[in-house]
N, C-alpha and C. Protein backbone atom coordinates (compact mmCIF):
# COMPACT_ATOMS: atom_id res chain seq x y z
N MET A 1 0.93 -1.15 0.09
CA MET A 1 0.05 -0.14 0.03
C MET A 1 0.90 1.13 0.19
N LYS A 2 0.58 2.18 -0.87
CA LYS A 2 1.30 3.31 -0.80
C LYS A 2 0.09 4.50 -0.61
N TYR A 3 0.62 5.54 -0.16
CA TYR A 3 -0.38 6.60 0.22
C TYR A 3 -0.21 7.86 -0.71
N LEU A 4 -1.32 8.46 -0.99
CA LEU A 4 -1.32 9.62 -2.03
C LEU A 4 -1.40 10.99 -1.31
N TYR A 5 -0.52 11.86 -1.64
CA TYR A 5 -0.41 13.17 -0.87
C TYR A 5 -0.61 14.31 -1.94
N SER A 6 -0.89 15.33 -1.42
CA SER A 6 -1.05 16.48 -2.29
C SER A 6 -0.46 17.76 -1.41
N ILE A 7 -0.14 18.85 -1.98
CA ILE A 7 0.32 19.96 -1.10
C ILE A 7 -0.67 21.11 -1.50
N ARG A 8 -1.37 21.65 -0.44
CA ARG A 8 -2.44 22.56 -0.31
C ARG A 8 -1.62 23.95 -0.23
N ASP A 9 -1.92 24.71 -1.09
CA ASP A 9 -1.58 26.21 -1.15
C ASP A 9 -2.65 27.09 -0.73
N ASP A 10 -2.68 27.44 0.45
CA ASP A 10 -3.73 28.20 1.09
C ASP A 10 -3.99 29.64 0.26
N LEU A 11 -2.97 30.20 0.02
CA LEU A 11 -2.93 31.48 -0.74
C LEU A 11 -3.56 31.36 -2.16
N ALA A 12 -3.30 30.43 -2.76
CA ALA A 12 -3.71 30.29 -4.05
C ALA A 12 -4.91 29.42 -4.20
N ASP A 13 -5.40 28.86 -3.10
CA ASP A 13 -6.65 28.18 -2.76
C ASP A 13 -6.65 27.01 -3.93
N ASP A 14 -5.65 26.16 -3.78
CA ASP A 14 -5.38 25.21 -4.88
C ASP A 14 -4.61 24.07 -4.23
N TYR A 15 -4.66 22.82 -4.91
CA TYR A 15 -3.81 21.67 -4.53
C TYR A 15 -2.96 21.45 -5.60
N ALA A 16 -1.53 21.13 -5.24
CA ALA A 16 -0.73 20.61 -6.25
C ALA A 16 -0.84 19.23 -6.80
N PRO A 17 -0.37 18.92 -7.84
CA PRO A 17 -0.43 17.43 -8.30
C PRO A 17 -0.21 16.42 -7.34
N ILE A 18 -0.84 15.27 -7.35
CA ILE A 18 -0.81 14.26 -6.34
C ILE A 18 0.47 13.40 -6.37
N PHE A 19 1.25 13.24 -5.42
CA PHE A 19 2.24 12.23 -5.38
C PHE A 19 2.31 11.15 -4.43
N GLU A 20 2.86 9.98 -4.65
CA GLU A 20 2.97 8.92 -3.61
C GLU A 20 4.01 8.80 -2.82
N ALA A 21 3.76 8.20 -1.73
CA ALA A 21 4.84 7.93 -0.72
C ALA A 21 4.50 6.56 0.06
N VAL A 22 5.53 5.83 0.20
CA VAL A 22 5.28 4.67 1.05
C VAL A 22 4.91 4.78 2.34
N ASN A 23 5.11 5.89 2.98
CA ASN A 23 4.69 6.39 4.32
C ASN A 23 4.59 7.57 4.61
N VAL A 24 3.99 8.08 5.75
CA VAL A 24 3.99 9.48 6.14
C VAL A 24 5.23 10.03 6.35
N GLY A 25 6.38 9.36 6.78
CA GLY A 25 7.74 9.96 6.93
C GLY A 25 8.40 10.16 5.75
N VAL A 26 8.20 9.56 4.74
CA VAL A 26 8.73 9.73 3.35
C VAL A 26 8.07 10.96 2.84
N ALA A 27 6.79 11.12 2.94
CA ALA A 27 5.96 12.26 2.34
C ALA A 27 6.27 13.55 3.12
N VAL A 28 6.61 13.59 4.56
CA VAL A 28 7.08 14.42 5.16
C VAL A 28 8.42 14.90 4.92
N ARG A 29 9.46 14.03 4.61
CA ARG A 29 10.78 14.36 4.06
C ARG A 29 10.65 15.28 2.77
N SER A 30 9.94 14.68 1.79
CA SER A 30 9.66 15.40 0.43
C SER A 30 9.13 16.68 0.75
N PHE A 31 8.14 16.93 1.47
CA PHE A 31 7.60 18.15 1.84
C PHE A 31 8.50 19.11 2.32
N GLN A 32 9.35 18.54 3.31
CA GLN A 32 10.26 19.41 3.97
C GLN A 32 11.33 20.04 2.92
N GLN A 33 11.75 19.26 2.09
CA GLN A 33 12.72 19.60 1.02
C GLN A 33 12.09 20.47 0.12
N LEU A 34 10.71 20.39 -0.22
CA LEU A 34 10.14 21.54 -1.07
C LEU A 34 10.17 22.82 -0.18
N LEU A 35 9.71 22.71 0.95
CA LEU A 35 9.62 23.96 1.67
C LEU A 35 10.99 24.65 1.96
N ARG A 36 11.96 23.97 1.90
CA ARG A 36 13.41 24.73 1.92
C ARG A 36 13.67 25.60 0.82
N THR A 37 12.83 25.31 -0.41
CA THR A 37 13.13 26.20 -1.47
C THR A 37 12.02 27.49 -1.47
N VAL A 38 11.35 27.67 -0.48
CA VAL A 38 10.28 28.50 -0.38
C VAL A 38 10.72 29.72 0.51
N ASP A 39 10.42 30.98 0.21
CA ASP A 39 10.66 31.97 1.18
C ASP A 39 10.16 31.64 2.60
N LYS A 40 10.79 32.12 3.66
CA LYS A 40 10.38 31.73 5.14
C LYS A 40 9.07 32.25 5.28
N GLU A 41 8.80 33.61 4.76
CA GLU A 41 7.56 34.18 5.07
C GLU A 41 6.25 33.36 4.45
N SER A 42 6.62 32.58 3.34
CA SER A 42 5.58 31.98 2.71
C SER A 42 5.33 30.48 3.15
N ARG A 43 6.05 29.87 3.86
CA ARG A 43 6.00 28.59 4.34
C ARG A 43 4.65 28.05 4.73
N ASN A 44 4.04 28.96 5.61
CA ASN A 44 2.83 28.66 6.18
C ASN A 44 1.53 28.61 5.37
N ASP A 45 1.96 29.06 4.06
CA ASP A 45 0.79 28.82 3.14
C ASP A 45 0.61 27.51 2.55
N TYR A 46 1.59 26.74 2.88
CA TYR A 46 1.44 25.34 2.41
C TYR A 46 1.33 24.22 3.36
N LYS A 47 0.52 23.27 2.95
CA LYS A 47 0.03 22.17 3.98
C LYS A 47 0.20 20.92 3.26
N LEU A 48 0.75 19.85 3.85
CA LEU A 48 0.79 18.52 3.26
C LEU A 48 -0.33 17.71 3.70
N VAL A 49 -1.21 17.23 2.65
CA VAL A 49 -2.57 16.57 2.94
C VAL A 49 -2.50 15.23 2.18
N CYS A 50 -3.00 14.19 3.12
CA CYS A 50 -3.03 12.71 2.61
C CYS A 50 -4.51 12.72 1.96
N VAL A 51 -4.45 12.41 0.66
CA VAL A 51 -5.77 12.43 -0.06
C VAL A 51 -6.26 11.02 -0.44
N GLY A 52 -5.41 9.93 -0.16
CA GLY A 52 -5.98 8.69 -0.62
C GLY A 52 -4.98 7.52 -0.39
N GLN A 53 -5.27 6.38 -0.97
CA GLN A 53 -4.18 5.30 -1.14
C GLN A 53 -4.14 4.70 -2.15
N TYR A 54 -3.07 3.97 -2.60
CA TYR A 54 -2.87 3.25 -3.81
C TYR A 54 -2.60 1.89 -3.39
N ASP A 55 -3.31 0.68 -3.81
CA ASP A 55 -3.02 -0.71 -3.43
C ASP A 55 -1.91 -1.05 -4.74
N VAL A 56 -0.71 -1.28 -4.51
CA VAL A 56 0.28 -1.65 -5.40
C VAL A 56 0.02 -3.20 -5.84
N ILE A 57 -0.70 -3.89 -5.16
CA ILE A 57 -1.09 -5.25 -5.46
C ILE A 57 -2.10 -5.31 -6.47
N ASP A 58 -3.32 -4.63 -6.46
CA ASP A 58 -4.25 -4.90 -7.30
C ASP A 58 -4.55 -3.62 -8.01
N GLY A 59 -3.76 -2.58 -7.78
CA GLY A 59 -3.84 -1.48 -8.62
C GLY A 59 -4.96 -0.44 -8.16
N LYS A 60 -5.73 -0.84 -7.21
CA LYS A 60 -6.93 0.26 -6.73
C LYS A 60 -6.48 1.32 -6.17
N ILE A 61 -7.22 2.30 -6.42
CA ILE A 61 -6.85 3.77 -5.81
C ILE A 61 -8.22 3.87 -4.88
N VAL A 62 -7.90 4.55 -3.69
CA VAL A 62 -9.03 4.85 -2.82
C VAL A 62 -8.82 6.30 -2.48
N ILE A 63 -9.57 6.99 -3.03
CA ILE A 63 -9.50 8.42 -2.69
C ILE A 63 -10.30 9.04 -1.62
N SER A 64 -9.80 9.80 -0.52
CA SER A 64 -10.51 10.15 0.61
C SER A 64 -11.40 11.41 0.23
N PRO A 65 -12.65 11.20 0.54
CA PRO A 65 -13.52 12.45 0.44
C PRO A 65 -12.83 13.74 1.03
N ILE A 66 -13.03 14.94 0.35
CA ILE A 66 -12.41 16.08 1.00
C ILE A 66 -12.44 16.29 2.43
N SER A 67 -13.73 15.94 2.96
CA SER A 67 -13.98 16.24 4.44
C SER A 67 -13.05 15.21 5.27
N GLU A 68 -12.51 14.18 4.73
CA GLU A 68 -11.68 13.34 5.40
C GLU A 68 -10.20 13.51 5.09
N ASN A 69 -9.86 14.26 4.27
CA ASN A 69 -8.32 14.72 3.88
C ASN A 69 -7.75 15.01 5.11
N GLN A 70 -6.51 14.23 5.35
CA GLN A 70 -5.90 14.58 6.58
C GLN A 70 -4.61 15.37 6.54
N GLU A 71 -4.56 16.55 6.99
CA GLU A 71 -3.31 17.40 6.97
C GLU A 71 -2.45 16.72 7.77
N VAL A 72 -1.28 16.87 7.31
CA VAL A 72 -0.05 16.20 8.16
C VAL A 72 0.59 17.40 8.87
N GLU A 73 0.87 17.24 10.19
CA GLU A 73 1.82 18.39 10.74
C GLU A 73 3.24 18.12 10.41
N VAL A 74 3.74 19.22 10.08
CA VAL A 74 5.27 19.08 9.54
C VAL A 74 5.99 20.27 10.20
N GLU A 75 7.10 19.92 10.70
CA GLU A 75 8.09 20.95 11.22
C GLU A 75 9.09 21.19 10.03
N VAL A 76 9.30 22.35 9.74
CA VAL A 76 10.40 22.81 8.83
C VAL A 76 11.65 23.11 9.54
N LEU A 77 12.68 22.28 9.02
CA LEU A 77 14.22 22.45 9.60
C LEU A 77 14.93 22.96 8.52
N GLY A 78 15.96 23.42 9.02
CA GLY A 78 17.18 23.78 8.20
C GLY A 78 17.06 24.97 7.18
N ASN A 79 18.23 25.35 6.69
CA ASN A 79 18.32 26.23 5.69
C ASN A 79 17.80 27.70 5.74
N GLY A 80 17.30 28.07 6.92
CA GLY A 80 16.77 29.48 7.23
C GLY A 80 16.64 30.47 6.13
N LYS A 81 16.21 30.10 4.84
CA LYS A 81 15.94 30.86 3.93
C LYS A 81 14.91 31.90 4.11
């Protein structure tokens, strides 16, 4: 099972394209790397959201209803840009 994530941009009122991660730790690491490229003042505009799951055995995708999307708490570390 892999998990499907998107990045919510509150300022743009938009979600970025979906990406997959084997677990929440990998998704958080990818999100943190992305945030290090964004101005410090803008980082709070972005949220990591789990939007569903992908079963790698049978190929089924289960999308979470918007009301059930789970925002992931992420602490941004390093690079003080």
